N, C-alpha and C. Protein backbone atom coordinates (compact mmCIF):
# COMPACT_ATOMS: atom_id res chain seq x y z
N MET A 1 18.54 -0.10 -13.56
CA MET A 1 17.70 0.30 -14.54
C MET A 1 16.07 0.48 -14.48
N HIS A 2 14.98 1.07 -15.00
CA HIS A 2 14.00 0.87 -15.22
C HIS A 2 13.03 1.15 -16.13
N ALA A 3 11.98 0.65 -16.10
CA ALA A 3 11.19 0.92 -17.12
C ALA A 3 9.95 1.70 -17.01
N GLU A 4 9.87 2.83 -18.13
CA GLU A 4 8.46 3.50 -17.85
C GLU A 4 7.38 2.97 -18.34
N PHE A 5 6.07 3.50 -17.66
CA PHE A 5 4.85 3.03 -18.35
C PHE A 5 4.07 3.27 -18.55
N PRO A 6 2.98 3.43 -19.43
CA PRO A 6 1.65 4.42 -19.73
C PRO A 6 0.73 4.83 -18.30
N VAL A 7 0.71 6.17 -18.32
CA VAL A 7 -0.02 6.42 -17.50
C VAL A 7 -1.38 7.25 -18.01
N ALA A 8 -2.23 6.43 -18.09
CA ALA A 8 -3.70 6.65 -19.22
C ALA A 8 -4.13 8.49 -18.45
N SER A 9 -4.07 8.40 -16.72
CA SER A 9 -4.98 9.79 -16.90
C SER A 9 -4.84 10.12 -14.88
N ALA A 10 -4.81 11.47 -14.77
CA ALA A 10 -4.74 11.00 -13.37
C ALA A 10 -6.12 10.12 -12.76
N LEU A 11 -6.05 9.96 -11.57
CA LEU A 11 -7.52 9.16 -10.62
C LEU A 11 -8.19 10.24 -9.23
N PRO A 12 -9.08 11.02 -9.55
CA PRO A 12 -9.36 12.18 -8.50
C PRO A 12 -9.71 11.49 -7.39
N MET A 13 -9.06 11.78 -6.39
CA MET A 13 -9.54 11.15 -5.08
C MET A 13 -10.43 12.26 -4.15
N PRO A 14 -11.32 12.14 -3.94
CA PRO A 14 -12.31 12.67 -2.36
C PRO A 14 -11.65 13.17 -0.97
N LEU A 15 -11.41 14.04 -1.01
CA LEU A 15 -11.18 14.38 0.38
C LEU A 15 -12.25 14.44 1.28
N ILE A 16 -12.28 13.01 2.72
CA ILE A 16 -13.03 12.85 3.14
C ILE A 16 -12.50 13.38 4.80
N ALA A 17 -12.37 14.10 5.34
CA ALA A 17 -12.13 14.51 7.00
C ALA A 17 -12.79 13.74 7.60
N ASP A 18 -14.15 13.12 7.61
CA ASP A 18 -14.26 12.25 8.90
C ASP A 18 -14.17 10.85 8.08
N GLU A 19 -13.40 10.35 7.47
CA GLU A 19 -12.99 8.80 6.66
C GLU A 19 -12.69 8.05 8.47
N ARG A 20 -13.62 7.00 8.64
CA ARG A 20 -13.27 6.41 9.85
C ARG A 20 -12.51 4.96 9.85
N ILE A 21 -11.64 4.89 10.48
CA ILE A 21 -10.23 4.12 10.27
C ILE A 21 -10.83 2.96 11.53
N GLN A 22 -10.62 1.87 10.74
CA GLN A 22 -10.69 0.34 11.61
C GLN A 22 -10.04 0.48 13.21
N LEU A 23 -10.39 0.21 13.89
CA LEU A 23 -8.74 0.31 15.14
C LEU A 23 -8.94 -1.42 15.71
N VAL A 24 -7.72 -2.03 16.32
CA VAL A 24 -7.46 -2.91 16.58
C VAL A 24 -7.04 -2.79 17.86
N ASP A 25 -6.69 -4.28 18.59
CA ASP A 25 -5.92 -4.04 20.19
C ASP A 25 -4.24 -4.66 19.30
N ALA A 26 -3.71 -4.78 20.51
CA ALA A 26 -2.49 -5.15 19.90
C ALA A 26 -2.38 -7.09 19.72
N SER A 27 -3.61 -7.33 19.59
CA SER A 27 -3.41 -8.64 19.35
C SER A 27 -4.51 -8.50 17.77
N ASN A 28 -4.36 -7.71 17.29
CA ASN A 28 -5.40 -7.12 16.11
C ASN A 28 -6.92 -7.86 15.81
N ARG A 29 -7.29 -7.49 17.24
CA ARG A 29 -9.03 -7.81 17.73
C ARG A 29 -9.64 -6.61 17.33
N PRO A 30 -10.33 -6.21 16.85
CA PRO A 30 -11.32 -5.38 16.09
C PRO A 30 -11.64 -4.20 17.80
N CYS A 31 -11.65 -2.98 18.05
CA CYS A 31 -12.10 -2.87 19.08
C CYS A 31 -12.28 -1.35 19.16
N GLY A 32 -13.11 -0.68 17.70
CA GLY A 32 -14.07 0.56 17.32
C GLY A 32 -13.21 0.89 16.10
N SER A 33 -13.31 2.33 16.39
CA SER A 33 -13.27 2.83 15.47
C SER A 33 -12.99 4.07 15.38
N ALA A 34 -12.16 5.10 14.45
CA ALA A 34 -12.07 6.40 15.21
C ALA A 34 -11.34 7.50 13.62
N PRO A 35 -11.61 8.74 13.42
CA PRO A 35 -11.23 9.28 12.42
C PRO A 35 -9.46 9.28 12.02
N ARG A 36 -9.15 9.41 11.49
CA ARG A 36 -7.87 9.45 10.37
C ARG A 36 -7.38 10.09 11.89
N VAL A 37 -7.41 11.20 11.40
CA VAL A 37 -6.50 12.47 12.19
C VAL A 37 -6.29 11.30 13.52
N GLN A 38 -7.24 10.97 14.36
CA GLN A 38 -7.05 10.30 15.59
C GLN A 38 -6.45 9.38 15.61
N MET A 39 -6.25 8.52 14.93
CA MET A 39 -5.91 7.42 14.67
C MET A 39 -4.05 7.54 14.54
N ARG A 40 -4.20 9.14 13.34
CA ARG A 40 -2.55 8.91 13.38
C ARG A 40 -1.89 9.88 14.74
N ARG A 41 -2.79 10.61 15.29
CA ARG A 41 -2.17 11.32 16.05
C ARG A 41 -2.23 10.70 17.81
N TRP A 42 -2.81 9.61 18.19
CA TRP A 42 -2.58 8.99 18.87
C TRP A 42 -1.78 7.51 19.01
N ARG A 43 -1.41 7.48 17.38
CA ARG A 43 -0.91 6.17 17.30
C ARG A 43 -1.61 4.60 17.73
N PHE A 44 -2.82 4.85 17.51
CA PHE A 44 -3.62 3.39 17.71
C PHE A 44 -3.34 2.36 16.65
N TRP A 45 -3.25 1.26 17.29
CA TRP A 45 -3.18 0.09 16.56
C TRP A 45 -4.13 -0.25 14.96
N HIS A 46 -3.99 -0.44 13.97
CA HIS A 46 -5.03 -0.51 13.23
C HIS A 46 -4.27 -1.05 11.87
N ARG A 47 -5.19 -1.70 10.77
CA ARG A 47 -5.11 -2.34 9.80
C ARG A 47 -4.94 -2.13 8.46
N ALA A 48 -3.79 -2.54 7.82
CA ALA A 48 -3.70 -2.04 6.40
C ALA A 48 -3.42 -3.39 5.56
N THR A 49 -3.79 -2.68 4.19
CA THR A 49 -3.18 -3.34 3.26
C THR A 49 -2.07 -3.01 2.17
N TYR A 50 -1.21 -4.20 1.89
CA TYR A 50 0.19 -4.00 0.53
C TYR A 50 -0.05 -4.66 0.17
N VAL A 51 0.10 -4.42 -1.70
CA VAL A 51 -0.84 -4.81 -2.62
C VAL A 51 0.45 -4.73 -3.94
N VAL A 52 1.16 -5.46 -3.92
CA VAL A 52 2.39 -6.20 -4.48
C VAL A 52 2.48 -6.08 -5.91
N VAL A 53 2.78 -5.50 -6.53
CA VAL A 53 2.52 -5.25 -8.45
C VAL A 53 3.32 -5.70 -9.17
N ARG A 54 3.31 -6.90 -9.73
CA ARG A 54 3.89 -7.65 -10.66
C ARG A 54 3.31 -7.66 -12.20
N ASN A 55 4.92 -7.26 -13.12
CA ASN A 55 4.66 -7.45 -14.26
C ASN A 55 4.78 -8.68 -14.91
N CYS A 56 4.97 -9.21 -16.25
CA CYS A 56 5.74 -10.83 -16.95
C CYS A 56 6.89 -10.30 -16.90
N ARG A 57 7.64 -9.45 -16.76
CA ARG A 57 8.55 -9.65 -16.85
C ARG A 57 9.51 -9.59 -14.71
N HIS A 58 8.60 -10.12 -13.94
CA HIS A 58 9.16 -10.17 -12.63
C HIS A 58 9.46 -8.71 -12.47
N GLU A 59 9.00 -7.60 -13.10
CA GLU A 59 9.44 -6.58 -12.32
C GLU A 59 8.36 -5.83 -11.34
N LEU A 60 8.79 -5.11 -10.68
CA LEU A 60 7.74 -4.46 -9.06
C LEU A 60 7.31 -3.08 -9.58
N CYS A 61 5.79 -2.58 -9.33
CA CYS A 61 5.46 -1.68 -9.89
C CYS A 61 5.78 -0.74 -8.14
N VAL A 62 6.59 0.22 -8.15
CA VAL A 62 7.03 1.12 -7.31
C VAL A 62 6.12 2.53 -7.68
N GLN A 63 6.07 2.69 -6.32
CA GLN A 63 5.10 4.42 -6.78
C GLN A 63 5.95 4.91 -5.66
N GLN A 64 6.83 6.72 -6.05
CA GLN A 64 6.52 7.88 -4.97
C GLN A 64 5.78 8.69 -4.86
N ARG A 65 5.66 8.27 -3.66
CA ARG A 65 4.40 9.03 -2.15
C ARG A 65 4.33 10.50 -3.02
N THR A 66 3.41 11.27 -2.51
CA THR A 66 3.50 12.59 -3.11
C THR A 66 4.28 13.11 -1.67
N LEU A 67 4.65 14.51 -1.89
CA LEU A 67 5.23 15.45 -0.44
C LEU A 67 4.25 15.67 0.73
N THR A 68 2.49 15.80 0.01
CA THR A 68 1.67 15.54 0.94
C THR A 68 0.91 14.70 1.78
N LYS A 69 1.90 13.47 1.35
CA LYS A 69 1.09 12.36 2.59
C LYS A 69 1.94 12.59 4.21
N GLU A 70 0.65 11.82 4.39
CA GLU A 70 0.72 12.35 6.25
C GLU A 70 1.97 11.30 6.58
N VAL A 71 2.42 10.21 6.34
CA VAL A 71 3.51 9.11 6.51
C VAL A 71 4.71 9.35 5.45
N PHE A 72 5.77 9.06 5.87
CA PHE A 72 6.89 9.10 4.89
C PHE A 72 6.64 9.58 3.56
N PRO A 73 6.06 10.73 3.91
CA PRO A 73 6.11 12.05 2.25
C PRO A 73 7.23 11.89 0.94
N GLY A 74 6.98 11.66 -0.05
CA GLY A 74 8.05 11.61 -0.75
C GLY A 74 8.89 10.21 -0.98
N GLY A 75 8.42 9.24 0.04
CA GLY A 75 9.08 7.93 -0.21
C GLY A 75 8.28 6.84 -1.23
N ILE A 76 9.32 6.32 -0.86
CA ILE A 76 9.16 5.27 -2.80
C ILE A 76 8.37 3.30 -1.85
N ASP A 77 7.08 3.53 -2.37
CA ASP A 77 6.20 2.67 -1.64
C ASP A 77 6.87 1.54 -2.74
N LEU A 78 6.73 0.36 -2.16
CA LEU A 78 6.67 -0.66 -2.75
C LEU A 78 5.83 -1.96 -3.18
N ALA A 79 4.30 -1.27 -2.16
CA ALA A 79 2.98 -1.85 -2.57
C ALA A 79 2.24 -0.74 -2.82
N ALA A 80 1.01 -1.01 -3.89
CA ALA A 80 -0.51 -0.32 -3.02
C ALA A 80 -1.05 -0.05 -2.19
N GLY A 81 -1.21 0.32 -1.14
CA GLY A 81 -2.04 0.12 -0.35
C GLY A 81 -2.60 1.01 0.58
N GLY A 82 -3.33 0.46 1.93
CA GLY A 82 -3.55 1.55 2.98
C GLY A 82 -4.59 1.44 3.67
N VAL A 83 -4.91 2.22 4.84
CA VAL A 83 -5.31 1.81 5.74
C VAL A 83 -6.92 0.80 5.52
N VAL A 84 -7.01 0.16 6.34
CA VAL A 84 -8.72 -0.37 6.19
C VAL A 84 -9.51 0.98 7.28
N GLY A 85 -10.73 0.84 6.20
CA GLY A 85 -11.75 1.42 6.89
C GLY A 85 -12.59 0.95 8.23
N ALA A 86 -13.28 1.91 8.88
CA ALA A 86 -14.38 1.06 9.69
C ALA A 86 -15.15 -0.19 9.26
N GLY A 87 -15.13 -1.42 10.30
CA GLY A 87 -15.66 -2.54 9.39
C GLY A 87 -15.10 -2.74 7.89
N GLU A 88 -14.22 -2.66 7.32
CA GLU A 88 -14.27 -2.87 5.92
C GLU A 88 -12.92 -4.17 6.05
N ALA A 89 -13.78 -5.06 5.22
CA ALA A 89 -13.06 -6.41 5.09
C ALA A 89 -11.51 -5.98 4.61
N VAL A 90 -10.22 -6.35 4.89
CA VAL A 90 -8.91 -6.22 4.32
C VAL A 90 -9.05 -6.47 2.93
N HIS A 91 -9.79 -7.69 2.38
CA HIS A 91 -9.32 -7.53 1.29
C HIS A 91 -10.51 -6.70 0.02
N VAL A 92 -11.38 -6.44 0.86
CA VAL A 92 -11.72 -5.25 0.19
C VAL A 92 -11.37 -3.75 0.00
N ALA A 93 -10.34 -3.79 1.02
CA ALA A 93 -9.89 -2.64 1.40
C ALA A 93 -8.81 -2.77 0.56
N ALA A 94 -7.82 -3.75 0.34
CA ALA A 94 -7.17 -4.03 -0.84
C ALA A 94 -7.33 -4.06 -2.12
N ARG A 95 -8.38 -4.02 -2.62
CA ARG A 95 -9.06 -3.62 -3.94
C ARG A 95 -9.22 -2.42 -3.90
N ARG A 96 -9.78 -1.79 -3.00
CA ARG A 96 -10.49 -0.11 -2.80
C ARG A 96 -8.99 0.30 -3.35
N GLU A 97 -8.05 -0.18 -2.48
CA GLU A 97 -6.81 1.07 -2.48
C GLU A 97 -5.97 0.85 -4.13
N LEU A 98 -6.02 -0.47 -4.41
CA LEU A 98 -5.18 -0.47 -5.58
C LEU A 98 -5.86 -0.20 -6.79
N ALA A 99 -8.09 0.03 -6.63
CA ALA A 99 -7.87 0.88 -7.82
C ALA A 99 -8.08 2.21 -7.93
N GLU A 100 -7.82 2.63 -6.48
CA GLU A 100 -7.77 4.27 -6.34
C GLU A 100 -6.27 4.50 -6.42
N GLU A 101 -5.33 4.24 -6.09
CA GLU A 101 -3.80 4.45 -6.58
C GLU A 101 -3.44 4.15 -7.42
N LEU A 102 -3.37 2.83 -8.45
CA LEU A 102 -3.02 2.84 -9.59
C LEU A 102 -4.16 2.72 -10.52
N GLY A 103 -5.65 2.39 -10.30
CA GLY A 103 -6.88 2.75 -11.25
C GLY A 103 -6.69 1.11 -12.20
N ILE A 104 -5.81 0.28 -11.22
CA ILE A 104 -5.54 -1.14 -11.63
C ILE A 104 -7.44 -1.88 -11.12
N ARG A 105 -8.76 -2.53 -11.58
CA ARG A 105 -9.60 -2.99 -11.45
C ARG A 105 -9.58 -4.36 -11.87
N GLY A 106 -10.66 -5.43 -11.13
CA GLY A 106 -10.72 -6.46 -11.98
C GLY A 106 -9.73 -7.93 -12.23
N VAL A 107 -8.77 -7.97 -11.24
CA VAL A 107 -7.64 -8.44 -11.25
C VAL A 107 -7.53 -9.54 -10.56
N PRO A 108 -7.02 -10.42 -10.16
CA PRO A 108 -7.36 -11.47 -8.84
C PRO A 108 -6.28 -11.26 -8.38
N LEU A 109 -6.62 -10.68 -6.76
CA LEU A 109 -5.55 -10.83 -5.95
C LEU A 109 -5.51 -12.08 -4.98
N ARG A 110 -4.17 -12.65 -5.01
CA ARG A 110 -3.37 -13.19 -3.82
C ARG A 110 -2.92 -13.39 -2.60
N PHE A 111 -3.68 -13.70 -1.93
CA PHE A 111 -3.40 -12.93 -0.20
C PHE A 111 -1.92 -14.13 -0.07
N CYS A 112 -1.08 -13.18 0.75
CA CYS A 112 0.13 -14.00 0.81
C CYS A 112 0.35 -14.38 2.28
N LEU A 113 0.06 -12.96 2.99
CA LEU A 113 0.78 -12.93 4.52
C LEU A 113 0.33 -12.08 5.44
N ASP A 114 0.00 -12.09 6.26
CA ASP A 114 0.09 -11.24 7.86
C ASP A 114 0.99 -10.45 8.23
N PHE A 115 1.20 -9.80 8.60
CA PHE A 115 2.82 -9.04 9.16
C PHE A 115 2.05 -7.82 10.06
N ARG A 116 3.05 -7.71 11.56
CA ARG A 116 2.72 -6.72 12.39
C ARG A 116 3.87 -5.91 11.93
N TYR A 117 3.36 -4.62 12.29
CA TYR A 117 4.36 -3.66 11.94
C TYR A 117 4.77 -2.69 13.35
N ASP A 118 5.83 -2.34 13.79
CA ASP A 118 5.45 -1.55 15.04
C ASP A 118 7.03 -0.91 15.17
N ARG A 119 6.66 0.38 13.89
CA ARG A 119 8.11 1.05 14.21
C ARG A 119 7.97 2.40 13.83
N GLU A 120 8.90 3.41 13.82
CA GLU A 120 8.39 5.10 13.54
C GLU A 120 7.14 5.39 13.96
N GLY A 121 6.46 5.16 15.22
CA GLY A 121 4.93 5.63 15.34
C GLY A 121 4.00 5.10 14.79
N ASN A 122 4.19 3.97 14.33
CA ASN A 122 3.29 3.10 13.50
C ASN A 122 2.82 2.07 13.83
N HIS A 123 0.95 1.58 14.31
CA HIS A 123 1.51 0.53 14.96
C HIS A 123 0.28 -0.47 13.90
N ILE A 124 1.11 -0.96 12.80
CA ILE A 124 -0.15 -1.83 12.19
C ILE A 124 0.36 -3.03 11.90
N PHE A 125 -1.20 -3.90 11.51
CA PHE A 125 -1.30 -5.31 11.18
C PHE A 125 -1.31 -5.13 9.68
N GLY A 126 -0.48 -5.56 9.12
CA GLY A 126 -0.88 -5.45 7.43
C GLY A 126 -1.20 -6.78 7.00
N SER A 127 -1.66 -6.84 6.25
CA SER A 127 -1.89 -7.96 4.94
C SER A 127 -1.66 -8.07 3.89
N VAL A 128 -0.85 -8.69 2.93
CA VAL A 128 -0.19 -8.44 1.99
C VAL A 128 -0.62 -9.43 0.54
N PHE A 129 -0.78 -8.96 -0.57
CA PHE A 129 -1.42 -9.70 -1.56
C PHE A 129 -0.76 -9.58 -2.85
N LEU A 130 -0.72 -10.32 -3.66
CA LEU A 130 0.22 -10.26 -4.86
C LEU A 130 -0.76 -10.20 -5.85
N VAL A 131 -0.36 -9.19 -6.97
CA VAL A 131 -1.32 -8.70 -8.58
C VAL A 131 0.02 -9.18 -9.47
N ASP A 132 -0.95 -9.67 -10.44
CA ASP A 132 0.49 -9.72 -11.84
C ASP A 132 -0.61 -8.92 -12.47
N TYR A 133 -0.24 -8.18 -13.44
CA TYR A 133 -0.49 -6.71 -14.29
C TYR A 133 0.46 -6.18 -14.85
N ASP A 134 -0.09 -6.33 -16.07
CA ASP A 134 0.61 -5.43 -17.40
C ASP A 134 -0.12 -4.15 -18.07
N GLY A 135 -1.00 -4.04 -17.39
CA GLY A 135 -2.01 -2.91 -18.42
C GLY A 135 -1.46 -1.43 -17.60
N PRO A 136 -1.97 -0.97 -18.60
CA PRO A 136 -2.22 0.53 -17.95
C PRO A 136 -2.60 1.20 -16.70
N LEU A 137 -1.85 2.08 -16.26
CA LEU A 137 -2.12 2.80 -15.09
C LEU A 137 -2.47 3.94 -14.83
N ARG A 138 -3.63 3.99 -14.06
CA ARG A 138 -3.93 5.77 -13.64
C ARG A 138 -3.67 5.80 -12.13
N LEU A 139 -2.67 6.98 -12.28
CA LEU A 139 -2.07 7.37 -11.10
C LEU A 139 -3.24 8.34 -10.43
N GLN A 140 -3.03 8.29 -8.85
CA GLN A 140 -4.09 9.48 -7.71
C GLN A 140 -3.11 10.39 -7.75
N ALA A 141 -3.62 10.85 -8.57
CA ALA A 141 -2.53 12.59 -8.12
C ALA A 141 -2.31 13.18 -6.72
N GLU A 142 -3.28 12.97 -5.90
CA GLU A 142 -3.19 13.28 -4.38
C GLU A 142 -2.00 12.42 -3.62
N GLU A 143 -2.32 11.04 -4.18
CA GLU A 143 -1.05 10.05 -3.25
C GLU A 143 -0.03 9.76 -4.18
N VAL A 144 0.32 9.65 -5.39
CA VAL A 144 0.81 9.11 -6.12
C VAL A 144 1.76 10.35 -6.89
N ALA A 145 2.91 10.26 -6.70
CA ALA A 145 3.66 11.48 -7.82
C ALA A 145 4.03 10.87 -8.63
N ASP A 146 4.51 9.63 -8.86
CA ASP A 146 5.12 8.64 -10.19
C ASP A 146 5.43 7.41 -9.95
N ALA A 147 5.75 6.41 -10.94
CA ALA A 147 5.74 5.11 -10.74
C ALA A 147 6.81 4.48 -11.75
N MET A 148 7.11 3.66 -11.21
CA MET A 148 8.42 3.00 -12.29
C MET A 148 7.96 1.65 -11.80
N TRP A 149 8.77 0.58 -13.07
CA TRP A 149 9.27 -1.10 -12.77
C TRP A 149 10.65 -1.04 -12.57
N LEU A 150 10.67 -1.81 -11.17
CA LEU A 150 12.17 -1.80 -11.16
C LEU A 150 11.96 -3.64 -11.10
N PRO A 151 13.26 -4.12 -11.13
CA PRO A 151 13.75 -5.42 -10.70
C PRO A 151 13.54 -5.50 -8.92
N LEU A 152 13.15 -6.78 -8.77
CA LEU A 152 12.70 -7.18 -7.39
C LEU A 152 14.03 -6.49 -6.19
N GLU A 153 15.31 -6.89 -6.45
CA GLU A 153 16.82 -6.52 -6.10
C GLU A 153 16.79 -5.01 -5.49
N GLU A 154 16.69 -4.33 -7.10
CA GLU A 154 16.59 -2.78 -6.89
C GLU A 154 15.80 -2.11 -6.02
N ALA A 155 14.28 -2.31 -5.99
CA ALA A 155 13.31 -2.05 -5.61
C ALA A 155 13.69 -2.81 -3.72
N LEU A 156 13.61 -3.70 -3.44
CA LEU A 156 14.24 -3.72 -2.14
C LEU A 156 15.54 -3.04 -1.31
N ALA A 157 16.37 -2.92 -2.01
CA ALA A 157 17.72 -1.39 -2.16
C ALA A 157 17.67 -0.33 -2.07
N HIS A 158 16.36 0.13 -2.50
CA HIS A 158 16.28 1.66 -2.88
C HIS A 158 16.45 2.08 -1.48
N PRO A 159 16.91 3.21 -1.98
CA PRO A 159 17.48 4.06 -0.35
C PRO A 159 16.35 5.01 0.39
N ARG A 160 15.19 5.04 -0.69
CA ARG A 160 14.13 5.41 0.25
C ARG A 160 12.29 5.07 0.02
N ALA A 161 13.38 3.57 0.11
CA ALA A 161 11.85 2.63 0.14
C ALA A 161 11.02 2.94 1.98
N THR A 162 9.85 2.91 1.47
CA THR A 162 9.23 3.24 2.83
C THR A 162 9.46 1.97 3.64
N PRO A 163 9.51 2.07 4.85
CA PRO A 163 9.99 0.61 5.51
C PRO A 163 8.82 -0.41 5.83
N ASP A 164 7.83 0.70 6.16
CA ASP A 164 6.49 -1.21 6.23
C ASP A 164 6.24 -1.77 4.69
N THR A 165 6.88 -0.82 3.59
CA THR A 165 6.43 -1.58 2.20
C THR A 165 7.66 -2.49 2.19
N ARG A 166 8.73 -1.68 2.43
CA ARG A 166 9.89 -2.84 2.87
C ARG A 166 10.39 -3.97 3.31
N LEU A 167 9.55 -4.11 4.51
CA LEU A 167 9.34 -5.01 5.27
C LEU A 167 8.24 -6.04 5.05
N ALA A 168 7.14 -5.78 4.26
CA ALA A 168 6.06 -6.67 3.28
C ALA A 168 6.48 -7.77 2.47
N LEU A 169 7.31 -6.36 1.46
CA LEU A 169 8.05 -7.13 0.53
C LEU A 169 9.00 -8.25 1.16
N LYS A 170 10.28 -7.77 1.86
CA LYS A 170 11.03 -9.04 2.57
C LYS A 170 10.31 -10.05 2.93
N TYR A 171 9.04 -9.98 3.72
CA TYR A 171 8.52 -11.05 4.22
C TYR A 171 8.04 -12.09 3.41
N MET A 172 7.28 -11.06 2.29
CA MET A 172 6.45 -12.39 0.88
C MET A 172 7.44 -12.56 0.03
N VAL A 173 9.01 -12.28 -0.35
CA VAL A 173 10.51 -13.12 -0.85
C VAL A 173 10.54 -13.83 0.04
N GLU A 174 10.73 -14.01 1.68
CA GLU A 174 11.13 -15.05 2.36
C GLU A 174 9.70 -15.69 2.23
N GLY A 175 8.90 -16.00 2.41
CA GLY A 175 7.63 -16.95 2.34
C GLY A 175 7.81 -17.57 0.86
N GLY A 176 8.15 -17.28 -0.13
CA GLY A 176 8.43 -17.92 -1.27
C GLY A 176 7.00 -17.56 -2.51
N TRP A 177 6.54 -16.19 -1.86
CA TRP A 177 5.48 -15.75 -2.94
C TRP A 177 6.09 -15.30 -4.19
N TRP A 178 7.02 -14.60 -3.91
CA TRP A 178 7.76 -14.12 -5.10
C TRP A 178 7.88 -14.78 -6.52
């Protein structure tokens, strides 16, 4: 069972064709940048952030991805987040993504762990953060079709959970961060 939450308004997202992504080598050392489209096409190693949002009932905010997303369209994300821009620090990217996708600003981010994800043609070094939050959400219409609060076990077992966010959450639980 899940509880719906208030959605204040959609947050518009500017489309930036030239968005440059921080590239890294297979050891997570910066090695340049590339436009997002090239990073996806050539499956370059890059960094991404995963911000797990938990409420006071210890439920997880999960988001349904829009059908226009380039990776896992329509999937269920167990964390907010996204790719790290060229020259951007991971904690700065985590704050940016959290604000863009869910409209959450001004809350403390707790760094939990880093992990490596190398599946489905994705080559990611992920940084996982935790946020405790009970306020209203503003969904980014271009990226988030819907959102809901789910208990941890139900979220992890969701059949449409994106594999990278499932792995990030699994590592977070195993590491005692939940």
